[in-house]
Amino acid sequence: MERRQLEFFVAVVEHRGFTRASRALHVSQPALSRSIRLLEDELGTTLLHRKPSGIVVTPAAENLMRRARMILHDMEAFKAAANSEVNVVAGTVNIALSPAPAIEPMTTIVAELQHRHPGVFTVGVGCTSSAAALEAVIDGRCEVALFGQPETPVAGGVLFHRIHMEELMLALPPGSSLASQQRIDPNALRNQSFIVAPPGTTLRTLFEDISGRVENLHVVAEASHREAVLPMVLKGVGLGFLPAGWRTFVEAAGGSLRSLDPPVNIPIWLAHGSRLTPPAKAFVDTALRLAR
């Protein structure tokens, strides 16, 4: 079994077909198909069922995907180590990020990591929810995940560390009368309009909790990306909820972030498997050191 076979296999599964994978890899479809056939022959099992509409992944292929990704991670780490100075950590680490920690603590961790290990290249893989970030670690697409979640996460074979507490705050447009208060009682939000996050997200759960206790909260828009919430808040479309890490951006644009009364804080979790490549271990060690 060769590295290129594993790279081809992972690409075909991730792109859900040979055509898109061949374009991404810049190889011909016949060469790609031949490589997968040889891999199936070596393993003595069918990995992919070819259909006119694409491919169907077999259970054997699903089992191989996680191992293949880990092997490729390891090979990249070995290659980086061989090309760097002795005892210098180098290579790439993929971090699955839910929206809550994407600014903080991610920014602080990467800054410290670069100071200590400048040969480590960090790739932040955006995920729409905590569950999606954790799934990226479980299926091997990423070695590490950072996500916000009120309850303690549980998943077989995954280790969890609570490394940060992030406050969820109310984003206000310029000139809002609510900005005169440092802490806002949810009852003061009656009859206000809101831009909300998608169902299943932490910020949507916060809104639903408040709307269950306070009458006449009006949803006027739903934004899948938090980057879309702030411009609408600044335009006066409605109020929104954002993590405290957004304060600099909100205030620079003329808006305000205010705490709720009582404040709402969610734990930020670091998740990873028991086996890490050197770059991933450097990231985890840096995050835990900062948390302490």
Protein backbone atom coordinates (compact mmCIF):
# COMPACT_ATOMS: atom_id res chain seq x y z
CA MET A 1 0.00 0.00 0.00
CA GLU A 2 1.43 3.38 -1.02
CA ARG A 3 0.82 6.84 0.34
CA ARG A 4 -0.58 8.00 -2.99
CA GLN A 5 -3.22 5.26 -2.90
CA LEU A 6 -4.41 6.53 0.48
CA GLU A 7 -4.41 10.14 -0.76
CA PHE A 8 -6.46 9.13 -3.80
CA PHE A 9 -8.89 7.10 -1.69
CA VAL A 10 -9.44 9.93 0.81
CA ALA A 11 -9.94 12.45 -2.02
CA VAL A 12 -12.53 10.30 -3.81
CA VAL A 13 -14.55 9.81 -0.61
CA GLU A 14 -14.32 13.47 0.46
CA HIS A 15 -15.28 14.73 -3.01
CA ARG A 16 -18.00 12.07 -3.31
CA GLY A 17 -16.87 10.98 -6.75
CA PHE A 18 -14.02 10.36 -9.17
CA THR A 19 -14.61 13.37 -11.42
CA ARG A 20 -14.32 16.02 -8.69
CA ALA A 21 -11.45 14.15 -7.01
CA SER A 22 -9.48 13.92 -10.26
CA ARG A 23 -9.85 17.67 -10.78
CA ALA A 24 -8.74 18.41 -7.23
CA LEU A 25 -5.74 16.09 -7.50
CA HIS A 26 -4.87 17.04 -11.11
CA VAL A 27 -4.74 13.40 -12.21
CA SER A 28 -6.74 11.55 -14.84
CA GLN A 29 -9.87 9.64 -13.87
CA PRO A 30 -8.53 6.33 -15.27
CA ALA A 31 -5.38 6.66 -13.13
CA LEU A 32 -7.50 7.44 -10.08
CA SER A 33 -9.85 4.52 -10.71
CA ARG A 34 -6.91 2.17 -11.27
CA SER A 35 -5.34 3.20 -7.96
CA ILE A 36 -8.57 2.54 -6.04
CA ARG A 37 -8.98 -0.87 -7.75
CA LEU A 38 -5.44 -1.84 -6.71
CA LEU A 39 -6.15 -0.74 -3.15
CA GLU A 40 -9.33 -2.82 -3.07
CA ASP A 41 -7.39 -5.81 -4.44
CA GLU A 42 -4.71 -5.42 -1.77
CA LEU A 43 -7.28 -5.20 1.00
CA GLY A 44 -9.47 -7.94 -0.45
CA THR A 45 -12.66 -5.91 -0.09
CA THR A 46 -14.85 -3.46 -1.98
CA LEU A 47 -14.46 0.12 -0.80
CA LEU A 48 -16.64 2.03 -3.25
CA HIS A 49 -19.67 1.16 -5.31
CA ARG A 50 -19.61 3.11 -8.60
CA LYS A 51 -23.00 4.56 -9.57
CA PRO A 52 -24.01 6.91 -12.43
CA SER A 53 -24.82 9.56 -9.83
CA GLY A 54 -21.54 9.16 -7.96
CA ILE A 55 -20.18 6.69 -5.42
CA VAL A 56 -21.58 4.76 -2.47
CA VAL A 57 -19.13 4.32 0.41
CA THR A 58 -19.09 0.83 1.92
CA PRO A 59 -18.70 0.16 5.67
CA ALA A 60 -15.15 -1.03 4.97
CA ALA A 61 -14.34 2.34 3.39
CA GLU A 62 -15.79 4.23 6.35
CA ASN A 63 -13.55 2.22 8.68
CA LEU A 64 -10.53 2.87 6.49
CA MET A 65 -11.12 6.63 6.21
CA ARG A 66 -10.23 7.47 9.82
CA ARG A 67 -7.10 5.29 9.72
CA ALA A 68 -6.07 6.66 6.34
CA ARG A 69 -6.36 10.24 7.54
CA MET A 70 -4.28 9.46 10.64
CA ILE A 71 -1.60 7.74 8.53
CA LEU A 72 -1.44 10.76 6.21
CA HIS A 73 -1.24 13.10 9.23
CA ASP A 74 1.64 11.02 10.59
CA MET A 75 3.47 10.97 7.26
CA GLU A 76 3.19 14.76 6.95
CA ALA A 77 4.58 15.12 10.47
CA PHE A 78 7.48 12.75 9.72
CA LYS A 79 8.26 14.62 6.52
CA ALA A 80 8.24 17.98 8.31
CA ALA A 81 10.43 16.65 11.11
CA ALA A 82 12.95 15.22 8.64
CA ASN A 83 13.25 18.60 6.93
CA SER A 84 13.61 20.61 10.12
CA GLU A 85 16.18 20.95 12.85
CA VAL A 86 16.52 18.26 15.50
CA ASN A 87 13.84 18.55 18.23
CA VAL A 88 12.01 21.26 16.28
CA VAL A 89 8.28 20.61 15.92
CA ALA A 90 7.00 21.34 12.42
CA GLY A 91 4.07 20.43 10.23
CA THR A 92 0.35 21.11 9.83
CA VAL A 93 -2.44 20.67 12.37
CA ASN A 94 -6.13 20.91 11.41
CA ILE A 95 -8.38 22.40 14.11
CA ALA A 96 -12.16 21.99 13.87
CA LEU A 97 -13.72 25.24 15.11
CA SER A 98 -17.27 25.95 16.12
CA PRO A 99 -18.13 29.70 15.95
CA ALA A 100 -17.78 30.45 19.70
CA PRO A 101 -13.99 30.00 20.07
CA ALA A 102 -13.02 31.03 16.52
CA ILE A 103 -11.70 34.39 17.74
CA GLU A 104 -10.89 33.59 21.36
CA PRO A 105 -9.25 31.50 22.63
CA MET A 106 -8.10 30.40 19.12
CA THR A 107 -6.23 33.65 18.41
CA THR A 108 -4.29 33.55 21.67
CA ILE A 109 -3.44 29.86 21.28
CA VAL A 110 -2.13 30.28 17.73
CA ALA A 111 -0.10 33.37 18.68
CA GLU A 112 1.57 31.48 21.54
CA LEU A 113 2.04 28.38 19.38
CA GLN A 114 3.81 30.43 16.71
CA HIS A 115 6.07 31.95 19.34
CA ARG A 116 7.10 28.54 20.66
CA HIS A 117 6.88 26.46 17.47
CA PRO A 118 7.14 28.68 14.37
CA GLY A 119 7.34 25.58 12.15
CA VAL A 120 3.76 24.56 12.97
CA PHE A 121 1.14 25.62 10.42
CA THR A 122 -2.39 25.83 11.84
CA VAL A 123 -5.48 25.32 9.68
CA GLY A 124 -8.79 26.35 11.23
CA VAL A 125 -11.64 24.30 9.76
CA GLY A 126 -14.90 26.16 10.28
CA CYS A 127 -17.84 24.11 11.60
CA THR A 128 -21.40 25.34 11.99
CA SER A 129 -21.95 23.76 15.40
CA SER A 130 -20.28 22.06 18.36
CA ALA A 131 -21.53 18.68 17.15
CA ALA A 132 -19.97 19.22 13.72
CA ALA A 133 -16.62 20.19 15.27
CA LEU A 134 -16.59 17.08 17.45
CA GLU A 135 -17.60 14.88 14.50
CA ALA A 136 -14.57 16.18 12.57
CA VAL A 137 -12.31 14.71 15.26
CA ILE A 138 -14.25 11.46 15.50
CA ASP A 139 -14.06 10.80 11.75
CA GLY A 140 -10.41 11.87 11.50
CA ARG A 141 -10.78 14.99 9.34
CA CYS A 142 -9.19 17.05 12.13
CA GLU A 143 -6.95 16.03 15.01
CA VAL A 144 -8.22 18.68 17.43
CA ALA A 145 -11.49 20.53 17.96
CA LEU A 146 -12.42 23.70 19.84
CA PHE A 147 -16.09 24.28 20.54
CA GLY A 148 -18.46 25.87 23.01
CA GLN A 149 -21.05 23.74 24.77
CA PRO A 150 -22.86 24.15 28.11
CA GLU A 151 -22.87 20.43 28.99
CA THR A 152 -19.82 18.20 29.36
CA PRO A 153 -19.26 16.42 26.01
CA VAL A 154 -18.89 12.64 25.79
CA ALA A 155 -17.55 10.55 22.91
CA GLY A 156 -15.72 7.25 22.86
CA GLY A 157 -11.98 7.53 22.24
CA VAL A 158 -11.98 11.34 22.55
CA LEU A 159 -10.39 13.32 25.39
CA PHE A 160 -11.95 16.60 26.55
CA HIS A 161 -10.53 19.59 28.45
CA ARG A 162 -12.42 22.70 29.52
CA ILE A 163 -9.97 25.47 28.70
CA HIS A 164 -11.97 28.70 28.67
CA MET A 165 -15.25 30.35 29.64
CA GLU A 166 -16.77 32.61 27.00
CA GLU A 167 -19.48 35.13 27.84
CA LEU A 168 -22.38 35.45 25.41
CA MET A 169 -23.40 39.08 25.10
CA LEU A 170 -26.06 41.26 23.50
CA ALA A 171 -24.97 43.18 20.38
CA LEU A 172 -26.58 46.64 20.07
CA PRO A 173 -26.63 49.13 17.17
CA PRO A 174 -25.17 52.64 17.45
CA GLY A 175 -27.34 54.92 19.56
CA SER A 176 -29.31 52.14 21.27
CA SER A 177 -30.89 53.26 24.52
CA LEU A 178 -29.98 49.88 26.02
CA ALA A 179 -26.28 50.74 25.72
CA SER A 180 -26.53 52.95 28.83
CA GLN A 181 -26.85 49.76 30.90
CA GLN A 182 -23.78 47.63 31.58
CA ARG A 183 -25.98 44.62 32.34
CA ILE A 184 -29.33 44.14 30.69
CA ASP A 185 -32.24 42.36 32.32
CA PRO A 186 -33.86 40.10 29.70
CA ASN A 187 -37.24 41.64 30.55
CA ALA A 188 -35.95 44.91 29.05
CA LEU A 189 -35.86 43.14 25.67
CA ARG A 190 -39.63 42.84 25.37
CA ASN A 191 -40.90 43.94 21.92
CA GLN A 192 -37.37 44.01 20.47
CA SER A 193 -36.44 42.50 17.09
CA PHE A 194 -33.64 39.92 16.80
CA ILE A 195 -31.26 38.39 14.30
CA VAL A 196 -30.87 34.77 15.41
CA ALA A 197 -28.46 31.93 14.75
CA PRO A 198 -29.61 28.65 13.12
CA PRO A 199 -31.47 26.04 15.21
CA GLY A 200 -29.23 23.76 17.25
CA THR A 201 -26.51 26.36 17.84
CA THR A 202 -25.57 27.69 21.28
CA LEU A 203 -26.67 31.23 20.42
CA ARG A 204 -30.04 30.03 19.12
CA THR A 205 -30.55 28.06 22.34
CA LEU A 206 -29.81 31.22 24.32
CA PHE A 207 -32.40 33.18 22.35
CA GLU A 208 -35.00 30.44 22.75
CA ASP A 209 -34.39 30.31 26.49
CA ILE A 210 -34.95 34.06 26.81
CA SER A 211 -37.97 34.08 24.49
CA GLY A 212 -39.51 31.36 26.65
CA ARG A 213 -39.42 33.76 29.62
CA VAL A 214 -39.94 37.15 27.93
CA GLU A 215 -42.95 37.97 25.77
CA ASN A 216 -42.97 39.52 22.30
CA LEU A 217 -39.45 38.92 21.07
CA HIS A 218 -39.55 39.18 17.27
CA VAL A 219 -37.28 37.22 14.94
CA VAL A 220 -36.67 39.26 11.80
CA ALA A 221 -33.70 37.36 10.31
CA GLU A 222 -31.64 34.22 10.70
CA ALA A 223 -27.90 34.30 9.95
CA SER A 224 -25.93 31.12 9.37
CA HIS A 225 -22.63 32.96 9.88
CA ARG A 226 -21.85 35.27 12.77
CA GLU A 227 -20.04 37.58 10.37
CA ALA A 228 -23.50 38.38 8.96
CA VAL A 229 -25.03 39.20 12.36
CA LEU A 230 -22.94 42.29 13.14
CA PRO A 231 -23.62 44.23 9.89
CA MET A 232 -27.37 43.72 10.34
CA VAL A 233 -27.18 44.83 13.98
CA LEU A 234 -25.23 47.95 12.97
CA LYS A 235 -27.87 48.73 10.31
CA GLY A 236 -30.59 48.59 12.97
CA VAL A 237 -32.26 45.45 11.61
CA GLY A 238 -32.38 43.98 15.09
CA LEU A 239 -30.38 42.95 18.13
CA GLY A 240 -28.18 39.87 18.19
CA PHE A 241 -26.07 37.69 20.46
CA LEU A 242 -22.29 37.41 20.01
CA PRO A 243 -19.40 36.05 22.10
CA ALA A 244 -17.38 38.53 24.16
CA GLY A 245 -14.42 37.95 21.83
CA TRP A 246 -16.21 40.09 19.25
CA ARG A 247 -16.11 43.23 21.47
CA THR A 248 -13.22 44.89 19.59
CA PHE A 249 -14.96 44.49 16.21
CA VAL A 250 -18.37 45.60 17.51
CA GLU A 251 -17.08 48.72 19.26
CA ALA A 252 -14.76 49.67 16.37
CA ALA A 253 -17.84 49.68 14.11
CA GLY A 254 -19.79 51.92 16.50
CA GLY A 255 -21.95 49.27 18.15
CA SER A 256 -21.98 47.95 21.71
CA LEU A 257 -21.76 44.60 23.47
CA ARG A 258 -23.52 44.35 26.80
CA SER A 259 -23.76 41.57 29.37
CA LEU A 260 -27.07 40.01 30.26
CA ASP A 261 -28.16 40.02 33.90
CA PRO A 262 -27.24 37.46 35.09
CA PRO A 263 -24.30 36.97 32.69
CA VAL A 264 -24.40 33.93 30.38
CA ASN A 265 -21.14 31.98 30.13
CA ILE A 266 -20.44 28.79 28.20
CA PRO A 267 -17.43 26.49 28.59
CA ILE A 268 -15.03 26.16 25.66
CA TRP A 269 -13.84 22.58 25.18
CA LEU A 270 -10.66 21.23 23.63
CA ALA A 271 -11.18 17.75 22.16
CA HIS A 272 -8.69 15.33 20.64
CA GLY A 273 -7.91 11.65 20.25
CA SER A 274 -5.37 9.76 22.36
CA ARG A 275 -2.88 9.65 19.48
CA LEU A 276 -1.56 12.97 18.15
CA THR A 277 1.03 14.00 15.60
CA PRO A 278 3.76 16.33 16.96
CA PRO A 279 2.13 19.53 15.57
CA ALA A 280 -1.24 18.57 17.09
CA LYS A 281 0.39 17.74 20.42
CA ALA A 282 2.15 21.11 20.37
CA PHE A 283 -1.22 22.82 19.83
CA VAL A 284 -2.88 20.86 22.64
CA ASP A 285 0.02 21.44 25.04
CA THR A 286 -0.04 25.18 24.27
CA ALA A 287 -3.80 25.41 24.82
CA LEU A 288 -3.61 23.57 28.14
CA ARG A 289 -0.65 25.67 29.29
CA LEU A 290 -2.58 28.87 28.58
CA ALA A 291 -5.66 27.47 30.31
CA ARG A 292 -3.64 26.85 33.46
